[in-house]
Protein backbone atom coordinates (compact mmCIF):
# COMPACT_ATOMS: atom_id res chain seq x y z
CA MET A 1 24.62 -6.27 -11.06
CA LYS A 2 25.07 -3.04 -9.16
CA LYS A 3 22.18 -1.91 -6.99
CA TYR A 4 22.04 1.59 -5.59
CA ILE A 5 19.51 2.58 -2.93
CA TYR A 6 19.01 6.03 -1.45
CA SER A 7 18.21 6.05 2.23
CA ILE A 8 15.98 8.74 3.69
CA ALA A 9 16.76 10.50 6.94
CA LEU A 10 13.94 12.36 8.61
CA ALA A 11 16.15 14.10 11.12
CA ALA A 12 17.82 16.06 8.37
CA SER A 13 14.65 17.66 7.07
CA LEU A 14 14.76 20.96 8.90
CA SER A 15 12.80 23.19 6.55
CA GLY A 16 9.12 23.24 5.70
CA CYS A 17 7.78 24.61 2.43
CA SER A 18 4.61 26.36 1.40
CA PHE A 19 3.00 25.72 -1.97
CA LEU A 20 4.10 28.89 -3.68
CA ASN A 21 7.35 29.35 -1.79
CA PRO A 22 8.81 25.90 -1.15
CA THR A 23 11.84 27.23 0.72
CA GLU A 24 9.80 29.16 3.25
CA VAL A 25 10.78 28.04 6.75
CA THR A 26 7.78 27.22 8.92
CA ASN A 27 9.69 26.52 12.13
CA PRO A 28 9.97 29.97 13.81
CA ASN A 29 13.13 28.88 15.61
CA VAL A 30 14.98 27.89 12.43
CA THR A 31 15.31 30.69 9.87
CA ASP A 32 17.13 30.38 6.56
CA GLU A 33 20.04 32.36 7.97
CA VAL A 34 20.36 30.18 11.07
CA PHE A 35 20.14 26.96 9.09
CA VAL A 36 22.77 27.74 6.47
CA ASP A 37 25.27 28.79 9.17
CA ASN A 38 24.95 25.46 11.00
CA PRO A 39 27.81 22.95 10.70
CA ASN A 40 27.26 20.39 7.93
CA ALA A 41 24.25 22.31 6.64
CA ALA A 42 24.73 20.96 3.10
CA ALA A 43 24.73 17.33 4.26
CA SER A 44 21.57 17.94 6.27
CA TRP A 45 19.90 19.68 3.36
CA LEU A 46 20.84 16.86 1.00
CA ASN A 47 19.27 14.33 3.34
CA GLY A 48 16.14 16.46 3.32
CA MET A 49 16.14 16.37 -0.48
CA ARG A 50 16.45 12.60 -0.43
CA ARG A 51 13.47 12.41 1.87
CA GLN A 52 11.52 14.75 -0.39
CA LEU A 53 12.28 12.53 -3.38
CA ALA A 54 10.76 9.57 -1.51
CA LEU A 55 7.66 11.65 -0.75
CA THR A 56 7.47 12.77 -4.38
CA LEU A 57 7.68 9.20 -5.66
CA ASN A 58 4.83 8.26 -3.35
CA GLN A 59 2.67 10.78 -5.20
CA THR A 60 3.78 10.05 -8.77
CA VAL A 61 3.56 6.29 -8.30
CA VAL A 62 0.20 6.05 -6.52
CA LEU A 63 -1.61 8.68 -8.58
CA GLY A 64 0.05 7.65 -11.84
CA GLU A 65 -0.87 3.98 -11.40
CA LEU A 66 -4.50 4.85 -10.61
CA THR A 67 -4.83 7.17 -13.59
CA SER A 68 -3.48 4.52 -15.96
CA ASP A 69 -4.90 1.10 -16.87
CA ASN A 70 -2.57 -0.64 -14.39
CA TYR A 71 -4.58 -0.38 -11.17
CA TYR A 72 -8.15 0.20 -10.10
CA ASN A 73 -8.96 1.81 -6.75
CA ASN A 74 -11.21 -0.85 -5.31
CA ARG A 75 -11.86 1.07 -2.13
CA THR A 76 -11.83 4.72 -1.01
CA GLN A 77 -8.52 5.78 0.56
CA SER A 78 -7.09 7.37 -2.57
CA SER A 79 -8.49 9.18 -5.60
CA LYS A 80 -11.81 7.80 -6.81
CA VAL A 81 -11.94 9.85 -10.00
CA PHE A 82 -8.52 9.35 -11.60
CA ASP A 83 -9.72 5.88 -12.60
CA ILE A 84 -12.40 7.43 -14.83
CA PRO A 85 -10.07 9.27 -15.76
CA GLN A 86 -11.37 12.58 -14.45
CA ILE A 87 -8.57 15.06 -13.77
CA ILE A 88 -9.52 18.62 -12.84
CA SER A 89 -7.35 21.44 -11.58
CA THR A 90 -9.35 21.81 -8.35
CA ASP A 91 -8.71 18.21 -7.29
CA VAL A 92 -6.69 18.09 -4.07
CA ASP A 93 -4.56 15.29 -5.53
CA VAL A 94 -3.56 17.50 -8.46
CA ASN A 95 -2.49 20.18 -6.02
CA THR A 96 -0.58 17.73 -3.84
CA LEU A 97 1.20 16.21 -6.80
CA GLN A 98 2.29 19.60 -8.13
CA ALA A 99 3.34 20.89 -4.72
CA THR A 100 5.38 17.78 -3.96
CA VAL A 101 7.27 17.84 -7.26
CA GLN A 102 7.91 21.57 -7.08
CA LYS A 103 9.08 21.37 -3.49
CA LEU A 104 11.81 18.93 -4.52
CA ARG A 105 12.87 21.25 -7.32
CA GLU A 106 12.92 24.36 -5.13
CA MET A 107 14.84 22.53 -2.43
CA GLY A 108 17.39 21.85 -5.17
CA TYR A 109 17.70 25.53 -6.02
CA PHE A 110 18.03 26.55 -2.39
CA GLY A 111 20.57 23.83 -1.66
CA ILE A 112 22.73 24.63 -4.69
CA GLU A 113 22.53 28.42 -4.57
CA THR A 114 22.33 29.14 -0.84
CA VAL A 115 23.24 26.21 1.40
CA ALA A 116 26.19 24.65 -0.41
CA PRO A 117 28.18 27.87 -1.04
CA LYS A 118 28.15 28.75 2.68
CA ASP A 119 29.20 25.29 3.90
CA ALA A 120 32.93 24.61 3.59
CA ALA A 121 32.22 20.91 4.13
CA THR A 122 30.29 20.67 0.88
CA THR A 123 31.94 18.20 -1.48
CA ASP A 124 31.61 17.96 -5.25
CA ASP A 125 29.77 14.65 -4.85
CA MET A 126 27.24 16.27 -2.53
CA LEU A 127 26.71 19.13 -4.94
CA ALA A 128 26.43 16.67 -7.81
CA GLU A 129 23.66 14.84 -6.01
CA MET A 130 21.79 18.09 -5.42
CA TYR A 131 21.95 18.81 -9.15
CA PHE A 132 20.81 15.27 -9.90
CA LEU A 133 17.82 15.50 -7.56
CA ARG A 134 16.84 18.89 -8.93
CA GLY A 135 17.09 17.37 -12.39
CA ILE A 136 14.77 14.54 -11.38
CA ALA A 137 12.22 17.10 -10.18
CA SER A 138 12.42 18.98 -13.50
CA MET A 139 12.11 15.67 -15.37
CA PHE A 140 8.93 14.91 -13.42
CA CYS A 141 7.62 18.39 -14.27
CA GLY A 142 8.06 17.59 -17.94
CA GLU A 143 6.74 14.04 -17.79
CA TYR A 144 3.61 14.47 -15.69
CA PHE A 145 2.25 17.98 -16.34
CA VAL A 146 0.90 20.02 -19.24
CA GLY A 147 3.19 22.74 -17.94
CA LEU A 148 4.41 24.23 -14.67
CA PRO A 149 6.03 27.49 -13.60
CA GLY A 150 9.81 27.47 -13.58
CA SER A 151 9.83 29.20 -10.18
CA ALA A 152 7.33 30.71 -7.77
CA LEU A 153 4.70 32.79 -9.61
CA SER A 154 6.66 32.71 -12.87
CA GLU A 155 5.59 31.91 -16.43
CA ILE A 156 4.35 28.43 -17.27
CA MET A 157 7.02 26.40 -19.01
CA HIS A 158 6.26 23.73 -21.63
CA PRO A 159 7.12 20.12 -20.70
CA GLU A 160 10.04 20.13 -23.14
CA GLN A 161 11.52 23.19 -21.43
CA HIS A 162 11.44 21.37 -18.09
CA LEU A 163 13.13 18.36 -19.68
CA HIS A 164 15.88 20.59 -21.05
CA LEU A 165 16.43 21.99 -17.54
CA ALA A 166 16.61 18.44 -16.23
CA ILE A 167 19.24 17.47 -18.80
CA ALA A 168 21.35 20.51 -17.94
CA ASP A 169 21.30 19.46 -14.27
CA PHE A 170 22.23 15.87 -15.10
CA GLU A 171 25.13 17.10 -17.22
CA LYS A 172 26.30 19.33 -14.36
CA ALA A 173 26.05 16.44 -11.90
CA MET A 174 28.16 14.27 -14.19
CA SER A 175 30.83 16.95 -14.44
CA LEU A 176 31.08 17.28 -10.66
CA SER A 177 31.16 13.65 -9.61
CA ASP A 178 33.59 10.80 -10.21
CA ASP A 179 31.15 8.31 -8.71
CA VAL A 180 30.40 5.67 -11.33
CA SER A 181 26.87 4.97 -10.13
CA GLN A 182 25.99 8.66 -10.11
CA LYS A 183 27.28 9.08 -13.65
CA THR A 184 25.29 6.06 -14.86
CA ALA A 185 22.15 7.43 -13.21
CA CYS A 186 22.67 10.71 -15.04
CA LEU A 187 23.19 8.94 -18.37
CA LEU A 188 19.98 6.98 -17.92
CA ALA A 189 18.01 10.02 -16.79
CA MET A 190 19.23 11.94 -19.84
CA ALA A 191 18.26 9.06 -22.14
CA ARG A 192 14.80 9.02 -20.57
CA SER A 193 14.42 12.81 -20.86
CA TYR A 194 15.49 12.89 -24.49
CA TYR A 195 13.15 9.96 -25.19
CA HIS A 196 10.13 11.85 -23.89
CA MET A 197 11.11 14.81 -26.06
CA GLY A 198 11.19 12.53 -29.09
CA ASP A 199 14.89 13.25 -29.63
CA LYS A 200 15.86 9.87 -31.01
CA THR A 201 19.50 10.67 -31.72
CA ASN A 202 20.36 11.77 -28.20
CA ALA A 203 18.13 9.22 -26.50
CA VAL A 204 19.89 6.42 -28.38
CA LYS A 205 23.33 7.85 -27.65
CA TYR A 206 22.78 7.96 -23.90
CA ALA A 207 20.94 4.64 -23.83
CA GLU A 208 23.95 3.01 -25.49
CA ASP A 209 26.24 4.68 -22.95
CA VAL A 210 24.16 3.21 -20.11
CA LEU A 211 24.47 -0.31 -21.45
CA VAL A 212 28.22 0.08 -21.80
CA ALA A 213 28.45 1.35 -18.22
CA ASP A 214 26.16 -1.21 -16.59
CA PRO A 215 23.49 -3.23 -18.47
CA MET A 216 21.92 -4.29 -15.14
CA TYR A 217 21.90 -0.83 -13.55
CA ILE A 218 19.17 0.11 -11.09
CA LYS A 219 18.75 3.08 -8.77
CA GLU A 220 16.17 2.47 -6.09
CA ILE A 221 14.73 4.88 -3.53
CA GLY A 222 14.61 3.37 -0.07
CA TYR A 223 11.83 3.77 2.49
CA ASP A 224 11.91 3.50 6.28
CA GLY A 225 8.63 3.02 8.10
CA VAL A 226 10.21 3.36 11.53
CA ASN A 227 12.34 6.48 11.20
CA GLY A 228 11.23 7.99 7.93
CA VAL A 229 8.74 7.73 5.09
CA SER A 230 6.75 4.59 4.29
CA ASN A 231 6.19 3.29 0.76
CA SER A 232 2.60 4.34 0.01
CA MET A 233 2.20 1.93 -2.90
CA GLN A 234 3.28 -0.96 -0.67
CA PHE A 235 0.50 -0.03 1.76
CA PHE A 236 -2.14 0.02 -0.96
CA LEU A 237 -0.94 -3.21 -2.60
CA PHE A 238 -0.10 -5.33 0.44
CA ASP A 239 0.14 -3.88 3.93
CA SER A 240 -3.38 -2.50 4.26
CA SER A 241 -5.85 -4.72 6.08
CA ASN A 242 -8.25 -4.11 3.18
CA ASP A 243 -7.91 -4.81 -0.54
CA GLU A 244 -7.17 -1.31 -1.77
CA PHE A 245 -5.84 -1.44 -5.34
CA ALA A 246 -6.55 -4.23 -7.81
CA PRO A 247 -4.39 -4.69 -10.93
CA LEU A 248 -5.74 -5.13 -14.42
CA PRO A 249 -6.24 -8.93 -14.59
CA ARG A 250 -3.59 -9.32 -17.30
CA LEU A 251 -1.09 -7.92 -14.75
CA ASP A 252 -2.19 -10.08 -11.82
CA PHE A 253 0.91 -12.31 -12.03
CA LEU A 254 3.16 -9.28 -11.34
CA ASP A 255 1.34 -8.07 -8.22
CA PRO A 256 2.36 -7.09 -5.55
CA LYS A 257 5.76 -5.69 -6.48
CA TYR A 258 6.08 -4.36 -2.92
CA TYR A 259 5.28 -6.47 0.14
CA SER A 260 6.35 -6.97 3.73
CA ILE A 261 7.21 -9.90 5.95
CA GLY A 262 6.54 -9.38 9.62
CA ASN A 263 6.20 -5.79 10.80
CA PRO A 264 5.49 -3.61 7.73
CA ASP A 265 7.21 -0.58 9.28
CA GLN A 266 10.42 -2.58 9.47
CA ASP A 267 10.16 -4.05 5.97
CA GLN A 268 9.61 -1.25 3.49
CA LYS A 269 10.54 -2.11 -0.07
CA PRO A 270 12.31 0.40 -2.34
CA VAL A 271 10.92 1.86 -5.55
CA ALA A 272 12.96 1.86 -8.76
CA LEU A 273 13.64 5.39 -9.93
CA LEU A 274 15.83 4.41 -12.88
CA LYS A 275 16.73 1.02 -14.30
CA ALA A 276 18.61 -0.20 -17.36
CA GLU A 277 15.50 -1.74 -18.91
CA GLU A 278 14.70 1.79 -20.05
CA ALA A 279 17.77 1.85 -22.29
CA TYR A 280 16.80 -1.38 -24.08
CA PHE A 281 13.29 -0.09 -24.71
CA ILE A 282 14.66 3.15 -26.15
CA LEU A 283 16.99 1.31 -28.51
CA ALA A 284 14.25 -1.08 -29.61
CA GLU A 285 11.73 1.69 -30.28
CA ALA A 286 14.34 3.68 -32.19
CA ALA A 287 15.06 0.65 -34.36
CA LEU A 288 11.35 0.21 -35.08
CA ALA A 289 11.04 3.88 -35.98
CA ASP A 290 13.82 3.24 -38.52
CA ASN A 291 11.96 0.14 -39.80
CA GLN A 292 14.72 -2.14 -38.49
CA LEU A 293 12.56 -5.00 -37.26
CA GLU A 294 15.32 -7.55 -36.66
CA LYS A 295 17.46 -5.05 -34.75
CA ALA A 296 14.52 -4.24 -32.50
CA LYS A 297 13.89 -7.95 -31.93
CA THR A 298 17.50 -8.40 -30.85
CA GLN A 299 17.24 -5.56 -28.34
CA LEU A 300 14.04 -6.93 -26.81
CA LYS A 301 15.37 -10.49 -26.62
CA ASN A 302 18.57 -9.24 -25.01
CA LEU A 303 16.45 -7.35 -22.50
CA LEU A 304 14.37 -10.43 -21.85
CA GLN A 305 17.23 -12.90 -21.47
CA GLU A 306 20.09 -10.83 -20.10
CA VAL A 307 18.22 -8.47 -17.77
CA ILE A 308 14.63 -9.39 -16.88
CA ALA A 309 15.45 -13.09 -16.46
CA GLN A 310 18.26 -12.10 -14.06
CA ARG A 311 16.18 -9.78 -11.90
CA PRO A 312 15.20 -11.11 -8.45
CA THR A 313 11.88 -12.67 -7.54
CA ALA A 314 10.27 -13.34 -4.17
CA SER A 315 8.11 -16.16 -2.88
CA ILE A 316 5.46 -14.60 -0.65
CA ASP A 317 2.31 -15.49 1.24
CA ASP A 318 -0.39 -13.35 -0.36
CA SER A 319 -3.34 -15.43 0.81
CA LYS A 320 -5.04 -12.44 2.45
CA GLU A 321 -5.48 -10.90 -1.02
CA THR A 322 -9.04 -11.54 -2.19
CA ARG A 323 -9.55 -8.53 -4.50
CA SER A 324 -12.80 -7.78 -2.68
CA GLY A 325 -12.19 -4.25 -1.53
CA GLY A 326 -15.76 -3.17 -2.12
CA ASN A 327 -16.43 -1.71 -5.56
CA ARG A 328 -15.77 -4.82 -7.63
CA THR A 329 -15.99 -8.33 -6.27
CA ASP A 330 -15.62 -10.21 -9.56
CA TYR A 331 -11.84 -10.29 -9.89
CA PRO A 332 -10.54 -13.74 -10.87
CA LEU A 333 -8.84 -15.56 -8.00
CA THR A 334 -7.83 -18.95 -9.43
CA ASP A 335 -5.17 -19.95 -11.93
CA ASP A 336 -7.56 -21.88 -14.19
CA TYR A 337 -8.84 -18.67 -15.76
CA TRP A 338 -8.37 -17.83 -19.42
CA LEU A 339 -7.93 -14.20 -20.43
CA LYS A 340 -8.66 -12.24 -23.59
CA THR A 341 -6.88 -8.88 -23.84
CA ASN A 342 -9.81 -7.50 -25.85
CA PRO A 343 -13.08 -9.01 -27.11
CA ASP A 344 -11.49 -10.06 -30.43
CA ALA A 345 -8.27 -11.53 -29.00
CA PRO A 346 -7.55 -15.21 -28.44
CA ALA A 347 -7.90 -16.54 -24.89
CA ARG A 348 -4.69 -17.36 -23.02
CA THR A 349 -3.78 -18.67 -19.59
CA GLY A 350 -0.98 -17.87 -17.14
CA PHE A 351 -1.99 -14.37 -16.08
CA ILE A 352 -3.90 -15.14 -12.89
CA LEU A 353 -2.31 -16.54 -9.73
CA ASP A 354 -4.12 -18.64 -7.14
CA ARG A 355 -3.00 -17.12 -3.88
CA GLN A 356 -4.83 -19.69 -1.76
CA LYS A 357 -2.76 -22.64 -3.00
CA GLY A 358 0.39 -21.45 -1.21
CA ASN A 359 3.15 -18.94 -1.74
CA VAL A 360 3.25 -17.12 -5.05
CA THR A 361 6.42 -16.03 -6.87
CA ILE A 362 6.50 -12.36 -7.85
CA PRO A 363 9.12 -10.35 -9.79
CA VAL A 364 10.26 -7.57 -7.47
CA VAL A 365 12.11 -5.44 -10.04
CA SER A 366 10.92 -6.41 -13.53
CA GLY A 367 8.78 -9.13 -15.00
CA THR A 368 6.98 -9.82 -18.25
CA SER A 369 4.62 -12.30 -19.87
CA VAL A 370 6.36 -11.85 -23.22
CA THR A 371 8.60 -14.65 -24.51
CA ALA A 372 11.40 -14.74 -27.07
CA VAL A 373 9.16 -16.86 -29.30
CA GLU A 374 6.53 -14.12 -29.30
CA ILE A 375 9.13 -11.50 -30.12
CA ASP A 376 10.45 -13.55 -33.04
CA ALA A 377 6.91 -14.18 -34.30
CA ALA A 378 6.27 -10.48 -34.97
CA THR A 379 6.28 -9.81 -38.71
CA THR A 380 5.55 -6.08 -38.79
CA VAL A 381 6.71 -2.95 -37.01
CA ASP A 382 3.27 -2.46 -35.47
CA GLU A 383 3.13 -6.00 -34.12
CA LEU A 384 6.48 -5.64 -32.38
CA LEU A 385 5.70 -2.10 -31.22
CA GLU A 386 2.61 -3.44 -29.47
CA THR A 387 4.76 -6.11 -27.81
CA LEU A 388 7.26 -3.45 -26.74
CA TYR A 389 4.59 -1.34 -25.06
CA LEU A 390 3.16 -4.38 -23.32
CA MET A 391 6.64 -5.09 -21.98
CA ARG A 392 7.00 -1.47 -20.85
CA GLN A 393 3.65 -1.74 -19.06
CA GLU A 394 4.72 -4.93 -17.27
CA VAL A 395 8.31 -3.94 -16.49
CA PHE A 396 7.42 -0.52 -15.08
CA LEU A 397 4.33 -1.72 -13.20
CA ALA A 398 3.78 0.08 -9.87
CA GLU A 399 6.45 2.66 -10.72
CA GLY A 400 4.18 5.44 -12.01
CA ARG A 401 5.37 5.25 -15.60
CA ARG A 402 2.38 3.90 -17.53
CA VAL A 403 0.36 7.11 -17.29
CA ILE A 404 3.15 8.88 -19.18
CA ASP A 405 3.14 6.25 -21.93
CA LEU A 406 -0.62 6.75 -22.29
CA GLY A 407 -0.05 10.44 -23.04
CA ILE A 408 -1.98 11.68 -20.01
CA LYS A 409 -0.69 14.83 -18.29
CA TYR A 410 -1.98 16.56 -15.17
CA PRO A 411 -3.08 20.21 -15.23
CA VAL A 412 -1.69 23.13 -13.29
CA SER A 413 -3.33 23.26 -9.87
CA ASP A 414 -6.21 25.64 -9.28
CA ILE A 415 -4.29 27.08 -6.32
CA GLU A 416 -1.49 28.05 -8.69
CA TYR A 417 -4.07 29.43 -11.13
CA ARG A 418 -5.61 31.68 -8.48
CA ASN A 419 -2.26 33.00 -7.31
CA ASN A 420 -0.20 33.17 -10.48
CA SER A 421 -1.35 35.54 -13.21
CA ASN A 422 0.83 33.72 -15.74
CA VAL A 423 -1.43 30.65 -15.68
CA GLN A 424 -3.77 30.59 -18.66
CA ALA A 425 -6.98 28.64 -19.21
CA GLU A 426 -5.25 25.97 -21.28
CA HIS A 427 -2.87 25.22 -18.42
CA ILE A 428 -5.63 24.11 -16.05
CA ARG A 429 -6.95 21.48 -18.46
CA ALA A 430 -5.53 17.98 -18.24
CA GLN A 431 -4.12 16.37 -21.35
CA ILE A 432 -6.21 13.26 -21.96
CA PRO A 433 -5.84 12.08 -25.57
CA ASP A 434 -9.13 11.43 -27.33
CA PHE A 435 -8.32 7.73 -27.71
CA ILE A 436 -8.37 7.28 -23.92
CA PRO A 437 -11.75 5.77 -22.98
CA GLY A 438 -13.83 7.19 -20.14
CA ASN A 439 -16.25 5.61 -17.67
CA ARG A 440 -13.45 3.58 -16.05
CA GLU A 441 -13.09 1.46 -19.20
CA LEU A 442 -9.29 1.56 -18.88
CA ASP A 443 -9.63 -0.88 -15.97
CA ASP A 444 -12.80 -2.66 -17.08
CA PHE A 445 -13.35 -6.34 -17.83
CA THR A 446 -16.05 -8.98 -17.81
CA ASN A 447 -15.86 -12.24 -15.89
CA ASP A 448 -17.53 -15.29 -17.42
CA VAL A 449 -17.47 -17.36 -14.25
CA GLU A 450 -19.01 -20.45 -15.84
CA ASN A 451 -16.36 -20.67 -18.55
CA LYS A 452 -13.57 -19.23 -16.40
CA GLN A 453 -12.80 -16.44 -18.86
CA ILE A 454 -11.84 -12.81 -18.33
CA THR A 455 -12.26 -10.39 -21.24
CA LEU A 456 -10.70 -6.95 -21.01
CA THR A 457 -12.84 -4.16 -22.41
CA ILE A 458 -9.90 -2.58 -24.22
CA ASP A 459 -6.26 -3.36 -24.96
CA MET A 460 -4.48 -0.05 -24.59
CA ASN A 461 -1.23 -1.34 -26.10
CA LYS A 462 -3.08 -2.02 -29.32
CA VAL A 463 -4.72 1.42 -29.05
CA LEU A 464 -1.35 3.10 -28.54
CA VAL A 465 0.04 1.53 -31.70
CA GLU A 466 -3.08 2.49 -33.66
CA ASN A 467 -2.45 6.08 -32.54
CA LYS A 468 1.35 6.03 -32.68
CA THR A 469 1.54 9.22 -34.76
CA ASN A 470 -0.36 11.18 -32.09
CA PRO A 471 2.18 13.64 -30.61
CA ALA A 472 1.15 12.71 -27.06
CA VAL A 473 2.44 9.12 -27.31
CA VAL A 474 5.10 6.81 -28.80
CA PRO A 475 7.77 9.53 -29.01
CA PHE A 476 9.82 8.23 -31.95
CA PHE A 477 6.89 7.91 -34.41
């Protein structure tokens, strides 16, 4: 297995950015002209882009997990309305999310068009990474938003247009670099972008290329609590002295993906940006879309046995976790609980960990409750598709991906609306499919303490399959 982790260097971030002009320098002693004439300006700018990616992931992961059915904000330090889900353009979190993503993208443009050409020390690999990071920003624009401007004060571009821009940058990065890991990252990012466009042919092509290159590939973004940026999700899941976020009970056995031992600042866990599991899911969903049930089963069993089973786990002391942050105090805490994924489902065990018995073992990259026996037992496309989306939910937990699978997209910020005449009324409305329940039902459950049984209010994987032809979800159907 190859494991690639970006480090983030604070010292290299020399330029501040405003919301509408992300390359505007806010330090009066460092103008654009002064910066680009400095020795090794491109290397410094690239480090700043790496740092910005870490900051961007903090936003997409935390806000995306809260908006989805993965985590409930059981306290008050982050959004209290995304759990509903209530997403309005005037929400400060919407503005922050948009500004953070767009800053990364605009840093890419400035680095490629202004910084790199003036620095003789710029290498093709450095330029390739700038293209890659700009592509990631455009991919996020397409995945998370109903639309965003392509540049400051410009017209609002459709998500698919942003994904096409991302693909063009990934292709350019591949052409510039001979680095194997960088090329594999680009292949996987292209597969993911084509997948979200519903382009099955290209998504399958690049997914197959990824598995040829490295079936255990992972690109992680590193965090540094001493000299750089801390992992926000790690704080909410583990490092905080309070119980901040609580997972849906069916996901309890996977939590916390990020944790620290000793001083949290010195033990910041990375976040997976891209990992090969994505390619297997794409190939399996494509097979199901073609009514090739056995082929899809093979892909999912290969994923289960050859990848997920080989990913690392950690034995950690999580005894301080009591799920009693304040809003709900009825989370199950012992491993003798049974769980029903919806009121009509059979009760099963094995989802809840007892953190007071001793150390618990947690998957730190990918984990799943699904077994090969369950995969083989599926007799219809819909049955296996539901299993696939459960596996996606579990494997990508705490990575900000589930909200995309649910078809939810954030609106254009009200600040953009008030400053950019190209923003129309439809752009400041979030995309929340009509099958998404309100009133916090995404995260809701009942606890029958006497019979030790948890019953989830709704099973969104079943709902997704029931609505698989909705254009907002399940791209290949």
